[in-house]
């Protein structure tokens, strides 16, 4: 009888695969919803199991040793095969379950207010949501589909562009801004955790596009994400630059106004699906719902 080597714990392999793919302990920890120290512990446990070093930690990040590259290829292929198998099983049982990932801002500002419409249009599709500001890999049975923001294309997916974005400055109507020079006396809200678009749509860039000088574009209120920044703007704490799509509802309900016509060209929103789900009927129905719902 052939002896099968004792495998390391699955949790340590998942941690290693995430670190190897992201080249970052922090990013891997965010993906796995654990702390970076927990990921580091899993990697040490895995290296102790195989008896060799798999990762080199450097000031610039994480790199793979020769052994690490070998294990990365094996774990990536293994998890992809498992994902395909789960997708096939789900197809046999016809559960109609899909997991969709997008940014927390898109989910909260745009999708959540439309969930009743979505559930009514697709009553047989059970949706689960995953919020992340990172570009998550799509595998059927894990994370199936995504609303992604960027230029595209997105390797390993079948994607469809939904909406070309622009970024606008919005604030509470209570601030009563009318003349662009009013910006010099207004609190600027900065979003420090924004990853896209590139280059960043910051106040220095916005003022340059608007032709406005003598503005201290470094001053103001700094917040970690667009969700908190938009809430601060609604509360009258200042003015913020955000995606027009994400604040369209707040503008329609007069919680926010766009006092100045100036805007910055952004990137685009895309519907992306795992490559092996390109012809899935539920995925196709979900894509069409996004098109008809107004993300076009």
C-alpha atoms as a PDB file:
ATOM      1  CA  UNK A   1       0.000   0.000   0.000  1.00  0.00           C
ATOM      2  CA  UNK A   2       1.362   3.397  -0.972  1.00  0.00           C
ATOM      3  CA  UNK A   3       1.847   5.690   2.001  1.00  0.00           C
ATOM      4  CA  UNK A   4       0.273   9.132   1.603  1.00  0.00           C
ATOM      5  CA  UNK A   5       2.279  11.926   3.285  1.00  0.00           C
ATOM      6  CA  UNK A   6       0.515  13.499   6.236  1.00  0.00           C
ATOM      7  CA  UNK A   7      -0.928  16.776   5.012  1.00  0.00           C
ATOM      8  CA  UNK A   8      -0.667  20.019   6.981  1.00  0.00           C
ATOM      9  CA  UNK A   9      -3.841  21.609   8.391  1.00  0.00           C
ATOM     10  CA  UNK A  10      -6.119  23.059   5.728  1.00  0.00           C
ATOM     11  CA  UNK A  11      -6.198  26.394   7.585  1.00  0.00           C
ATOM     12  CA  UNK A  12      -2.435  26.789   7.214  1.00  0.00           C
ATOM     13  CA  UNK A  13      -2.611  25.970   3.499  1.00  0.00           C
ATOM     14  CA  UNK A  14      -5.380  28.551   3.026  1.00  0.00           C
ATOM     15  CA  UNK A  15      -3.300  31.151   4.851  1.00  0.00           C
ATOM     16  CA  UNK A  16      -0.215  30.350   2.767  1.00  0.00           C
ATOM     17  CA  UNK A  17      -2.150  30.474  -0.524  1.00  0.00           C
ATOM     18  CA  UNK A  18      -3.620  33.870   0.383  1.00  0.00           C
ATOM     19  CA  UNK A  19      -0.222  35.322   1.405  1.00  0.00           C
ATOM     20  CA  UNK A  20       1.459  33.940  -1.709  1.00  0.00           C
ATOM     21  CA  UNK A  21      -1.250  35.383  -3.961  1.00  0.00           C
ATOM     22  CA  UNK A  22      -1.437  38.765  -2.242  1.00  0.00           C
ATOM     23  CA  UNK A  23       2.285  39.097  -1.341  1.00  0.00           C
ATOM     24  CA  UNK A  24       1.098  40.542   1.961  1.00  0.00           C
ATOM     25  CA  UNK A  25       0.258  39.207   5.416  1.00  0.00           C
ATOM     26  CA  UNK A  26      -2.111  42.124   6.010  1.00  0.00           C
ATOM     27  CA  UNK A  27      -4.054  41.625   2.766  1.00  0.00           C
ATOM     28  CA  UNK A  28      -4.268  37.883   3.381  1.00  0.00           C
ATOM     29  CA  UNK A  29      -5.565  38.500   6.899  1.00  0.00           C
ATOM     30  CA  UNK A  30      -8.283  40.846   5.582  1.00  0.00           C
ATOM     31  CA  UNK A  31      -9.350  38.244   3.021  1.00  0.00           C
ATOM     32  CA  UNK A  32      -9.540  35.486   5.628  1.00  0.00           C
ATOM     33  CA  UNK A  33     -11.134  37.734   8.289  1.00  0.00           C
ATOM     34  CA  UNK A  34      -8.382  37.044  10.825  1.00  0.00           C
ATOM     35  CA  UNK A  35      -5.509  39.061  12.280  1.00  0.00           C
ATOM     36  CA  UNK A  36      -2.069  39.289  10.602  1.00  0.00           C
ATOM     37  CA  UNK A  37      -0.570  37.585  13.660  1.00  0.00           C
ATOM     38  CA  UNK A  38      -2.938  34.643  13.150  1.00  0.00           C
ATOM     39  CA  UNK A  39      -1.807  34.350   9.530  1.00  0.00           C
ATOM     40  CA  UNK A  40       1.843  34.539  10.634  1.00  0.00           C
ATOM     41  CA  UNK A  41       1.180  31.730  13.140  1.00  0.00           C
ATOM     42  CA  UNK A  42      -0.373  29.564  10.413  1.00  0.00           C
ATOM     43  CA  UNK A  43       2.641  30.118   8.144  1.00  0.00           C
ATOM     44  CA  UNK A  44       5.061  29.181  10.933  1.00  0.00           C
ATOM     45  CA  UNK A  45       3.002  26.061  11.594  1.00  0.00           C
ATOM     46  CA  UNK A  46       3.126  25.140   7.894  1.00  0.00           C
ATOM     47  CA  UNK A  47       6.882  25.737   7.630  1.00  0.00           C
ATOM     48  CA  UNK A  48       7.417  23.575  10.711  1.00  0.00           C
ATOM     49  CA  UNK A  49       5.330  20.833   9.101  1.00  0.00           C
ATOM     50  CA  UNK A  50       7.267  20.794   5.801  1.00  0.00           C
ATOM     51  CA  UNK A  51      10.607  21.518   7.443  1.00  0.00           C
ATOM     52  CA  UNK A  52      11.697  24.329   5.115  1.00  0.00           C
ATOM     53  CA  UNK A  53      11.207  28.067   4.805  1.00  0.00           C
ATOM     54  CA  UNK A  54       8.470  28.958   2.323  1.00  0.00           C
ATOM     55  CA  UNK A  55       8.430  32.760   2.518  1.00  0.00           C
ATOM     56  CA  UNK A  56      11.054  35.469   2.790  1.00  0.00           C
ATOM     57  CA  UNK A  57       9.952  38.586   4.681  1.00  0.00           C
ATOM     58  CA  UNK A  58      11.528  41.749   3.311  1.00  0.00           C
ATOM     59  CA  UNK A  59      10.949  45.482   3.916  1.00  0.00           C
ATOM     60  CA  UNK A  60       9.166  45.589   0.545  1.00  0.00           C
ATOM     61  CA  UNK A  61       6.798  42.736   1.351  1.00  0.00           C
ATOM     62  CA  UNK A  62       6.801  38.975   1.005  1.00  0.00           C
ATOM     63  CA  UNK A  63       8.584  36.818  -1.569  1.00  0.00           C
ATOM     64  CA  UNK A  64       8.481  33.077  -2.153  1.00  0.00           C
ATOM     65  CA  UNK A  65      11.394  30.712  -1.753  1.00  0.00           C
ATOM     66  CA  UNK A  66      11.859  27.981  -4.338  1.00  0.00           C
ATOM     67  CA  UNK A  67       9.932  25.603  -2.089  1.00  0.00           C
ATOM     68  CA  UNK A  68       7.274  28.242  -1.581  1.00  0.00           C
ATOM     69  CA  UNK A  69       6.808  28.642  -5.332  1.00  0.00           C
ATOM     70  CA  UNK A  70       6.296  24.898  -5.658  1.00  0.00           C
ATOM     71  CA  UNK A  71       3.689  24.849  -2.894  1.00  0.00           C
ATOM     72  CA  UNK A  72       1.976  28.001  -4.241  1.00  0.00           C
ATOM     73  CA  UNK A  73       1.416  26.324  -7.607  1.00  0.00           C
ATOM     74  CA  UNK A  74       0.022  23.236  -5.906  1.00  0.00           C
ATOM     75  CA  UNK A  75      -2.305  25.078  -3.523  1.00  0.00           C
ATOM     76  CA  UNK A  76      -3.590  27.444  -6.218  1.00  0.00           C
ATOM     77  CA  UNK A  77      -4.384  24.543  -8.516  1.00  0.00           C
ATOM     78  CA  UNK A  78      -5.888  22.530  -5.675  1.00  0.00           C
ATOM     79  CA  UNK A  79      -8.247  25.252  -4.467  1.00  0.00           C
ATOM     80  CA  UNK A  80      -9.290  25.966  -8.056  1.00  0.00           C
ATOM     81  CA  UNK A  81     -10.152  22.294  -8.613  1.00  0.00           C
ATOM     82  CA  UNK A  82     -12.110  22.228  -5.352  1.00  0.00           C
ATOM     83  CA  UNK A  83     -13.960  25.382  -6.367  1.00  0.00           C
ATOM     84  CA  UNK A  84     -14.912  23.875  -9.731  1.00  0.00           C
ATOM     85  CA  UNK A  85     -16.102  20.698  -8.043  1.00  0.00           C
ATOM     86  CA  UNK A  86     -18.267  22.660  -5.632  1.00  0.00           C
ATOM     87  CA  UNK A  87     -19.684  24.615  -8.553  1.00  0.00           C
ATOM     88  CA  UNK A  88     -20.549  21.343 -10.324  1.00  0.00           C
ATOM     89  CA  UNK A  89     -22.145  19.953  -7.175  1.00  0.00           C
ATOM     90  CA  UNK A  90     -24.185  23.101  -6.803  1.00  0.00           C
ATOM     91  CA  UNK A  91     -25.241  22.753 -10.427  1.00  0.00           C
ATOM     92  CA  UNK A  92     -26.420  19.205  -9.777  1.00  0.00           C
ATOM     93  CA  UNK A  93     -28.416  20.229  -6.729  1.00  0.00           C
ATOM     94  CA  UNK A  94     -29.593  23.509  -8.364  1.00  0.00           C
ATOM     95  CA  UNK A  95     -29.456  25.506  -5.152  1.00  0.00           C
ATOM     96  CA  UNK A  96     -29.423  28.843  -6.993  1.00  0.00           C
ATOM     97  CA  UNK A  97     -26.920  30.229  -4.487  1.00  0.00           C
ATOM     98  CA  UNK A  98     -24.397  32.864  -5.557  1.00  0.00           C
ATOM     99  CA  UNK A  99     -21.839  34.830  -3.557  1.00  0.00           C
ATOM    100  CA  UNK A 100     -21.246  38.385  -4.786  1.00  0.00           C
ATOM    101  CA  UNK A 101     -18.330  40.532  -3.700  1.00  0.00           C
ATOM    102  CA  UNK A 102     -17.953  44.281  -4.028  1.00  0.00           C
ATOM    103  CA  UNK A 103     -16.759  47.237  -2.008  1.00  0.00           C
ATOM    104  CA  UNK A 104     -18.561  48.046   1.201  1.00  0.00           C
ATOM    105  CA  UNK A 105     -19.406  51.449  -0.273  1.00  0.00           C
ATOM    106  CA  UNK A 106     -21.132  49.980  -3.343  1.00  0.00           C
ATOM    107  CA  UNK A 107     -23.036  47.434  -1.282  1.00  0.00           C
ATOM    108  CA  UNK A 108     -24.260  49.945   1.281  1.00  0.00           C
ATOM    109  CA  UNK A 109     -24.888  53.017  -0.897  1.00  0.00           C
ATOM    110  CA  UNK A 110     -26.196  51.421  -4.091  1.00  0.00           C
ATOM    111  CA  UNK A 111     -27.164  47.767  -3.701  1.00  0.00           C
ATOM    112  CA  UNK A 112     -28.793  47.559  -0.271  1.00  0.00           C
ATOM    113  CA  UNK A 113     -31.508  50.125  -1.126  1.00  0.00           C
ATOM    114  CA  UNK A 114     -32.381  47.939  -4.151  1.00  0.00           C
ATOM    115  CA  UNK A 115     -32.413  44.527  -2.481  1.00  0.00           C
ATOM    116  CA  UNK A 116     -36.220  44.291  -2.467  1.00  0.00           C
ATOM    117  CA  UNK A 117     -36.247  44.844  -6.232  1.00  0.00           C
ATOM    118  CA  UNK A 118     -33.465  42.304  -6.715  1.00  0.00           C
ATOM    119  CA  UNK A 119     -35.187  39.622  -4.638  1.00  0.00           C
ATOM    120  CA  UNK A 120     -38.462  40.230  -6.444  1.00  0.00           C
ATOM    121  CA  UNK A 121     -36.829  39.941  -9.860  1.00  0.00           C
ATOM    122  CA  UNK A 122     -34.767  36.830  -8.982  1.00  0.00           C
ATOM    123  CA  UNK A 123     -36.789  34.933  -6.364  1.00  0.00           C
ATOM    124  CA  UNK A 124     -35.020  31.601  -6.968  1.00  0.00           C
ATOM    125  CA  UNK A 125     -31.494  32.998  -6.589  1.00  0.00           C
ATOM    126  CA  UNK A 126     -30.100  33.026  -3.065  1.00  0.00           C
ATOM    127  CA  UNK A 127     -27.490  35.755  -2.811  1.00  0.00           C
ATOM    128  CA  UNK A 128     -24.759  36.066  -0.249  1.00  0.00           C
ATOM    129  CA  UNK A 129     -22.662  39.210  -0.038  1.00  0.00           C
ATOM    130  CA  UNK A 130     -18.970  39.686   0.620  1.00  0.00           C
ATOM    131  CA  UNK A 131     -17.568  43.179   1.223  1.00  0.00           C
ATOM    132  CA  UNK A 132     -13.941  43.909   0.384  1.00  0.00           C
ATOM    133  CA  UNK A 133     -12.008  46.834  -1.062  1.00  0.00           C
ATOM    134  CA  UNK A 134      -9.491  44.369  -2.506  1.00  0.00           C
ATOM    135  CA  UNK A 135      -9.932  42.566  -5.834  1.00  0.00           C
ATOM    136  CA  UNK A 136     -11.023  39.131  -4.696  1.00  0.00           C
ATOM    137  CA  UNK A 137     -10.321  36.064  -6.881  1.00  0.00           C
ATOM    138  CA  UNK A 138     -13.470  34.518  -8.306  1.00  0.00           C
ATOM    139  CA  UNK A 139     -14.014  30.762  -8.111  1.00  0.00           C
ATOM    140  CA  UNK A 140     -17.397  29.086  -8.393  1.00  0.00           C
ATOM    141  CA  UNK A 141     -18.419  27.752  -5.022  1.00  0.00           C
ATOM    142  CA  UNK A 142     -16.386  30.381  -3.153  1.00  0.00           C
ATOM    143  CA  UNK A 143     -16.927  33.890  -4.528  1.00  0.00           C
ATOM    144  CA  UNK A 144     -18.849  33.574  -7.783  1.00  0.00           C
ATOM    145  CA  UNK A 145     -19.456  37.088  -9.065  1.00  0.00           C
ATOM    146  CA  UNK A 146     -18.352  40.642  -8.377  1.00  0.00           C
ATOM    147  CA  UNK A 147     -19.099  44.252  -9.075  1.00  0.00           C
ATOM    148  CA  UNK A 148     -15.606  45.541  -9.726  1.00  0.00           C
ATOM    149  CA  UNK A 149     -14.329  49.056 -10.127  1.00  0.00           C
ATOM    150  CA  UNK A 150     -11.396  49.626 -12.426  1.00  0.00           C
ATOM    151  CA  UNK A 151     -10.298  49.686 -16.025  1.00  0.00           C
ATOM    152  CA  UNK A 152     -10.575  45.976 -16.762  1.00  0.00           C
ATOM    153  CA  UNK A 153     -10.189  43.426 -18.154  1.00  0.00           C
ATOM    154  CA  UNK A 154      -9.986  41.229 -15.058  1.00  0.00           C
ATOM    155  CA  UNK A 155      -7.929  38.046 -15.602  1.00  0.00           C
ATOM    156  CA  UNK A 156      -9.679  34.785 -14.851  1.00  0.00           C
ATOM    157  CA  UNK A 157     -13.172  36.251 -15.209  1.00  0.00           C
ATOM    158  CA  UNK A 158     -15.802  37.009 -17.794  1.00  0.00           C
ATOM    159  CA  UNK A 159     -16.704  40.660 -17.315  1.00  0.00           C
ATOM    160  CA  UNK A 160     -19.193  43.158 -18.689  1.00  0.00           C
ATOM    161  CA  UNK A 161     -18.764  46.914 -18.317  1.00  0.00           C
ATOM    162  CA  UNK A 162     -21.803  48.472 -16.678  1.00  0.00           C
ATOM    163  CA  UNK A 163     -21.069  52.125 -16.074  1.00  0.00           C
ATOM    164  CA  UNK A 164     -18.355  54.696 -16.785  1.00  0.00           C
ATOM    165  CA  UNK A 165     -17.842  56.604 -13.574  1.00  0.00           C
ATOM    166  CA  UNK A 166     -17.244  60.227 -12.697  1.00  0.00           C
ATOM    167  CA  UNK A 167     -16.367  61.692  -9.322  1.00  0.00           C
ATOM    168  CA  UNK A 168     -18.114  64.784  -8.032  1.00  0.00           C
ATOM    169  CA  UNK A 169     -17.935  67.027  -4.974  1.00  0.00           C
ATOM    170  CA  UNK A 170     -21.040  66.790  -2.774  1.00  0.00           C
ATOM    171  CA  UNK A 171     -22.134  68.279   0.524  1.00  0.00           C
ATOM    172  CA  UNK A 172     -25.213  68.897   2.635  1.00  0.00           C
ATOM    173  CA  UNK A 173     -27.574  71.543   1.222  1.00  0.00           C
ATOM    174  CA  UNK A 174     -27.297  73.164   4.636  1.00  0.00           C
ATOM    175  CA  UNK A 175     -23.791  74.399   3.793  1.00  0.00           C
ATOM    176  CA  UNK A 176     -25.341  76.691   1.157  1.00  0.00           C
ATOM    177  CA  UNK A 177     -22.377  76.588  -1.227  1.00  0.00           C
ATOM    178  CA  UNK A 178     -22.985  78.408  -4.500  1.00  0.00           C
ATOM    179  CA  UNK A 179     -19.780  80.098  -5.629  1.00  0.00           C
ATOM    180  CA  UNK A 180     -16.755  77.871  -6.246  1.00  0.00           C
ATOM    181  CA  UNK A 181     -14.652  80.295  -4.195  1.00  0.00           C
ATOM    182  CA  UNK A 182     -16.740  79.213  -1.176  1.00  0.00           C
ATOM    183  CA  UNK A 183     -14.567  76.116  -1.172  1.00  0.00           C
ATOM    184  CA  UNK A 184     -11.776  78.142   0.437  1.00  0.00           C
ATOM    185  CA  UNK A 185     -13.817  78.484   3.626  1.00  0.00           C
ATOM    186  CA  UNK A 186     -15.309  74.970   3.611  1.00  0.00           C
ATOM    187  CA  UNK A 187     -14.004  71.874   5.402  1.00  0.00           C
ATOM    188  CA  UNK A 188     -12.615  69.426   2.872  1.00  0.00           C
ATOM    189  CA  UNK A 189     -13.304  65.765   3.602  1.00  0.00           C
ATOM    190  CA  UNK A 190     -10.527  63.384   2.552  1.00  0.00           C
ATOM    191  CA  UNK A 191     -10.923  59.613   2.030  1.00  0.00           C
ATOM    192  CA  UNK A 192      -7.628  58.075   3.124  1.00  0.00           C
ATOM    193  CA  UNK A 193      -8.516  54.430   2.432  1.00  0.00           C
ATOM    194  CA  UNK A 194      -9.442  54.859  -1.236  1.00  0.00           C
ATOM    195  CA  UNK A 195      -7.653  52.473  -3.638  1.00  0.00           C
ATOM    196  CA  UNK A 196      -9.295  53.472  -6.929  1.00  0.00           C
ATOM    197  CA  UNK A 197      -9.323  55.257  -9.286  1.00  0.00           C
ATOM    198  CA  UNK A 198      -5.697  55.918 -10.130  1.00  0.00           C
ATOM    199  CA  UNK A 199      -4.581  58.696 -10.045  1.00  0.00           C
ATOM    200  CA  UNK A 200      -6.426  59.466  -6.847  1.00  0.00           C
ATOM    201  CA  UNK A 201      -9.370  61.891  -7.083  1.00  0.00           C
ATOM    202  CA  UNK A 202      -8.078  64.118  -4.290  1.00  0.00           C
ATOM    203  CA  UNK A 203      -8.716  67.791  -3.659  1.00  0.00           C
ATOM    204  CA  UNK A 204      -5.465  68.889  -5.308  1.00  0.00           C
ATOM    205  CA  UNK A 205      -6.555  67.223  -8.532  1.00  0.00           C
ATOM    206  CA  UNK A 206     -10.151  68.474  -8.264  1.00  0.00           C
ATOM    207  CA  UNK A 207      -9.049  72.099  -7.761  1.00  0.00           C
ATOM    208  CA  UNK A 208      -6.665  71.832 -10.708  1.00  0.00           C
ATOM    209  CA  UNK A 209      -9.490  70.585 -12.946  1.00  0.00           C
ATOM    210  CA  UNK A 210     -11.777  73.332 -11.630  1.00  0.00           C
ATOM    211  CA  UNK A 211      -9.127  76.023 -12.101  1.00  0.00           C
ATOM    212  CA  UNK A 212      -9.366  77.051  -8.460  1.00  0.00           C
ATOM    213  CA  UNK A 213      -6.260  78.261  -6.611  1.00  0.00           C
ATOM    214  CA  UNK A 214      -5.463  79.388  -3.075  1.00  0.00           C
ATOM    215  CA  UNK A 215      -7.120  76.359  -1.463  1.00  0.00           C
ATOM    216  CA  UNK A 216      -5.331  74.467   1.302  1.00  0.00           C
ATOM    217  CA  UNK A 217      -6.001  71.053  -0.174  1.00  0.00           C
ATOM    218  CA  UNK A 218      -4.188  69.236   2.660  1.00  0.00           C
ATOM    219  CA  UNK A 219      -6.399  70.650   5.400  1.00  0.00           C
ATOM    220  CA  UNK A 220      -9.713  69.246   6.517  1.00  0.00           C
ATOM    221  CA  UNK A 221     -11.253  66.078   7.866  1.00  0.00           C
ATOM    222  CA  UNK A 222      -9.582  62.735   7.131  1.00  0.00           C
ATOM    223  CA  UNK A 223     -11.735  59.583   7.185  1.00  0.00           C
ATOM    224  CA  UNK A 224     -10.792  55.962   6.422  1.00  0.00           C
ATOM    225  CA  UNK A 225     -13.413  55.087   3.786  1.00  0.00           C
ATOM    226  CA  UNK A 226     -16.103  56.517   1.554  1.00  0.00           C
ATOM    227  CA  UNK A 227     -18.941  55.208   3.731  1.00  0.00           C
ATOM    228  CA  UNK A 228     -17.919  57.330   6.721  1.00  0.00           C
ATOM    229  CA  UNK A 229     -16.999  60.239   4.438  1.00  0.00           C
ATOM    230  CA  UNK A 230     -20.434  60.319   2.797  1.00  0.00           C
ATOM    231  CA  UNK A 231     -22.143  60.147   6.191  1.00  0.00           C
ATOM    232  CA  UNK A 232     -19.990  63.055   7.383  1.00  0.00           C
ATOM    233  CA  UNK A 233     -21.032  65.065   4.318  1.00  0.00           C
ATOM    234  CA  UNK A 234     -24.709  64.302   4.922  1.00  0.00           C
ATOM    235  CA  UNK A 235     -24.240  65.469   8.514  1.00  0.00           C
ATOM    236  CA  UNK A 236     -22.927  68.810   7.255  1.00  0.00           C
ATOM    237  CA  UNK A 237     -19.316  68.216   8.299  1.00  0.00           C
ATOM    238  CA  UNK A 238     -17.842  69.289   4.961  1.00  0.00           C
ATOM    239  CA  UNK A 239     -17.630  68.498   1.253  1.00  0.00           C
ATOM    240  CA  UNK A 240     -16.286  65.252  -0.240  1.00  0.00           C
ATOM    241  CA  UNK A 241     -15.319  63.859  -3.654  1.00  0.00           C
ATOM    242  CA  UNK A 242     -17.143  60.598  -4.408  1.00  0.00           C
ATOM    243  CA  UNK A 243     -18.489  58.465  -7.233  1.00  0.00           C
ATOM    244  CA  UNK A 244     -21.667  59.984  -8.659  1.00  0.00           C
ATOM    245  CA  UNK A 245     -23.256  56.525  -8.790  1.00  0.00           C
ATOM    246  CA  UNK A 246     -22.794  55.955  -5.060  1.00  0.00           C
ATOM    247  CA  UNK A 247     -24.483  59.202  -4.034  1.00  0.00           C
ATOM    248  CA  UNK A 248     -27.190  59.352  -6.716  1.00  0.00           C
ATOM    249  CA  UNK A 249     -29.871  58.277  -4.237  1.00  0.00           C
ATOM    250  CA  UNK A 250     -28.701  60.772  -1.600  1.00  0.00           C
ATOM    251  CA  UNK A 251     -28.824  63.551  -4.200  1.00  0.00           C
ATOM    252  CA  UNK A 252     -32.316  62.500  -5.349  1.00  0.00           C
ATOM    253  CA  UNK A 253     -33.554  62.558  -1.760  1.00  0.00           C
ATOM    254  CA  UNK A 254     -31.884  65.965  -1.230  1.00  0.00           C
ATOM    255  CA  UNK A 255     -29.603  64.671   1.527  1.00  0.00           C
ATOM    256  CA  UNK A 256     -26.691  65.843  -0.622  1.00  0.00           C
ATOM    257  CA  UNK A 257     -26.208  68.376  -3.387  1.00  0.00           C
ATOM    258  CA  UNK A 258     -23.564  68.876  -6.048  1.00  0.00           C
ATOM    259  CA  UNK A 259     -22.881  72.600  -5.702  1.00  0.00           C
ATOM    260  CA  UNK A 260     -20.271  72.798  -8.487  1.00  0.00           C
ATOM    261  CA  UNK A 261     -20.381  71.351 -12.001  1.00  0.00           C
ATOM    262  CA  UNK A 262     -16.729  70.286 -12.005  1.00  0.00           C
ATOM    263  CA  UNK A 263     -16.112  66.525 -12.039  1.00  0.00           C
ATOM    264  CA  UNK A 264     -13.208  64.104 -12.412  1.00  0.00           C
ATOM    265  CA  UNK A 265     -13.308  61.231 -14.899  1.00  0.00           C
ATOM    266  CA  UNK A 266     -13.186  57.967 -12.971  1.00  0.00           C
ATOM    267  CA  UNK A 267     -12.829  54.367 -14.081  1.00  0.00           C
ATOM    268  CA  UNK A 268     -15.788  51.997 -14.537  1.00  0.00           C
ATOM    269  CA  UNK A 269     -18.063  49.551 -12.767  1.00  0.00           C
ATOM    270  CA  UNK A 270     -18.031  46.033 -14.178  1.00  0.00           C
ATOM    271  CA  UNK A 271     -20.027  42.866 -13.567  1.00  0.00           C
ATOM    272  CA  UNK A 272     -17.528  40.000 -13.401  1.00  0.00           C
ATOM    273  CA  UNK A 273     -18.114  36.275 -13.034  1.00  0.00           C
ATOM    274  CA  UNK A 274     -15.859  33.284 -12.472  1.00  0.00           C
ATOM    275  CA  UNK A 275     -14.825  31.966 -15.872  1.00  0.00           C
ATOM    276  CA  UNK A 276     -16.562  28.617 -15.386  1.00  0.00           C
ATOM    277  CA  UNK A 277     -19.859  30.397 -14.659  1.00  0.00           C
ATOM    278  CA  UNK A 278     -19.937  32.326 -17.936  1.00  0.00           C
ATOM    279  CA  UNK A 279     -22.971  30.398 -19.189  1.00  0.00           C
ATOM    280  CA  UNK A 280     -24.699  29.900 -15.828  1.00  0.00           C
ATOM    281  CA  UNK A 281     -28.361  30.931 -16.091  1.00  0.00           C
ATOM    282  CA  UNK A 282     -28.488  32.509 -12.629  1.00  0.00           C
ATOM    283  CA  UNK A 283     -25.341  34.521 -13.291  1.00  0.00           C
ATOM    284  CA  UNK A 284     -26.796  35.729 -16.573  1.00  0.00           C
ATOM    285  CA  UNK A 285     -30.047  36.737 -14.875  1.00  0.00           C
ATOM    286  CA  UNK A 286     -28.157  38.616 -12.178  1.00  0.00           C
ATOM    287  CA  UNK A 287     -26.057  40.474 -14.759  1.00  0.00           C
ATOM    288  CA  UNK A 288     -29.186  41.509 -16.649  1.00  0.00           C
ATOM    289  CA  UNK A 289     -30.766  42.749 -13.427  1.00  0.00           C
ATOM    290  CA  UNK A 290     -27.805  45.070 -12.808  1.00  0.00           C
ATOM    291  CA  UNK A 291     -28.096  46.385 -16.366  1.00  0.00           C
ATOM    292  CA  UNK A 292     -31.833  47.064 -16.063  1.00  0.00           C
ATOM    293  CA  UNK A 293     -31.524  48.480 -12.539  1.00  0.00           C
ATOM    294  CA  UNK A 294     -29.586  51.430 -13.841  1.00  0.00           C
ATOM    295  CA  UNK A 295     -25.890  50.554 -13.540  1.00  0.00           C
ATOM    296  CA  UNK A 296     -25.456  51.275 -17.247  1.00  0.00           C
END
